[in-house]
Amino acid sequence: MLLSEALSGLHRTQLLTIDPGLFLNPNDGTISHRDMYDFLHFTREGYMKFCEPILDEIQTLLKNFVKAGAEDS
């Protein structure tokens, strides 16, 4: 079973897909040691790339939450 299938029925759960193109070289499909020093664990730079889309989504959700709260008042 895919993770997306397992999460599809859960209330208030969202699956965010991170583009693998952020880490793969488009010419040869390799991963830079700058992103994953041992090609398994992220480096600081790799975590920054990985977490930026997550942060963007969290900020969007918070803006929507604040906006919805203001409309309820």
Protein backbone atom coordinates (compact mmCIF):
# COMPACT_ATOMS: atom_id res chain seq x y z
CA MET A 1 0.00 0.00 0.00
CA LEU A 2 1.28 3.43 -0.89
CA LEU A 3 1.62 6.06 1.81
CA SER A 4 -0.72 8.37 -0.13
CA GLU A 5 -3.40 5.65 -0.08
CA ALA A 6 -2.93 5.01 3.62
CA LEU A 7 -3.27 8.72 4.45
CA SER A 8 -6.16 9.49 2.10
CA GLY A 9 -8.87 8.70 4.67
CA LEU A 10 -7.31 10.49 7.61
CA HIS A 11 -8.94 13.73 8.71
CA ARG A 12 -6.68 16.82 8.66
CA THR A 13 -3.83 14.97 7.04
CA GLN A 14 -2.01 16.21 3.99
CA LEU A 15 0.72 14.57 1.97
CA LEU A 16 3.18 17.03 0.48
CA THR A 17 5.25 15.73 -2.40
CA ILE A 18 8.75 17.14 -2.64
CA ASP A 19 10.08 17.27 -6.19
CA PRO A 20 13.03 14.87 -6.50
CA GLY A 21 14.38 17.25 -9.15
CA LEU A 22 15.54 19.45 -6.28
CA PHE A 23 18.24 16.87 -5.55
CA LEU A 24 18.89 15.03 -8.81
CA ASN A 25 21.26 16.33 -11.47
CA PRO A 26 19.13 16.59 -14.64
CA ASN A 27 22.04 15.49 -16.83
CA ASP A 28 22.91 12.20 -15.19
CA GLY A 29 20.46 11.66 -12.30
CA THR A 30 23.14 11.77 -9.61
CA ILE A 31 22.79 13.33 -6.16
CA SER A 32 25.26 15.99 -5.11
CA HIS A 33 27.36 15.36 -2.01
CA ARG A 34 26.44 18.96 -1.10
CA ASP A 35 22.85 17.79 -0.59
CA MET A 36 23.53 14.33 0.86
CA TYR A 37 27.09 13.89 2.11
CA ASP A 38 26.80 10.10 2.22
CA PHE A 39 24.01 9.90 -0.37
CA LEU A 40 21.58 8.85 2.37
CA HIS A 41 21.49 11.66 4.96
CA PHE A 42 20.84 15.31 4.13
CA THR A 43 23.44 17.98 4.68
CA ARG A 44 22.43 21.40 6.00
CA GLU A 45 21.98 22.56 2.39
CA GLY A 46 19.95 19.46 1.57
CA TYR A 47 17.63 20.04 4.53
CA MET A 48 17.16 23.65 3.44
CA LYS A 49 16.03 22.47 -0.02
CA PHE A 50 13.83 19.78 1.50
CA CYS A 51 12.19 21.99 4.13
CA GLU A 52 11.54 25.10 2.04
CA PRO A 53 8.41 23.67 0.33
CA ILE A 54 7.20 22.43 3.73
CA LEU A 55 7.68 25.87 5.26
CA ASP A 56 5.83 27.47 2.34
CA GLU A 57 2.89 25.10 2.85
CA ILE A 58 2.80 25.71 6.62
CA GLN A 59 2.81 29.48 6.05
CA THR A 60 -0.07 29.16 3.57
CA LEU A 61 -2.06 27.02 6.00
CA LEU A 62 -1.47 29.51 8.82
CA LYS A 63 -2.54 32.45 6.63
CA ASN A 64 -5.73 30.60 5.71
CA PHE A 65 -6.34 29.74 9.38
CA VAL A 66 -5.92 33.37 10.48
CA LYS A 67 -8.12 34.58 7.61
CA ALA A 68 -10.85 32.07 8.50
CA GLY A 69 -10.65 33.12 12.17
CA ALA A 70 -11.09 36.77 11.22
CA GLU A 71 -14.18 35.95 9.13
CA ASP A 72 -15.75 34.09 12.07
CA SER A 73 -15.44 37.12 14.36
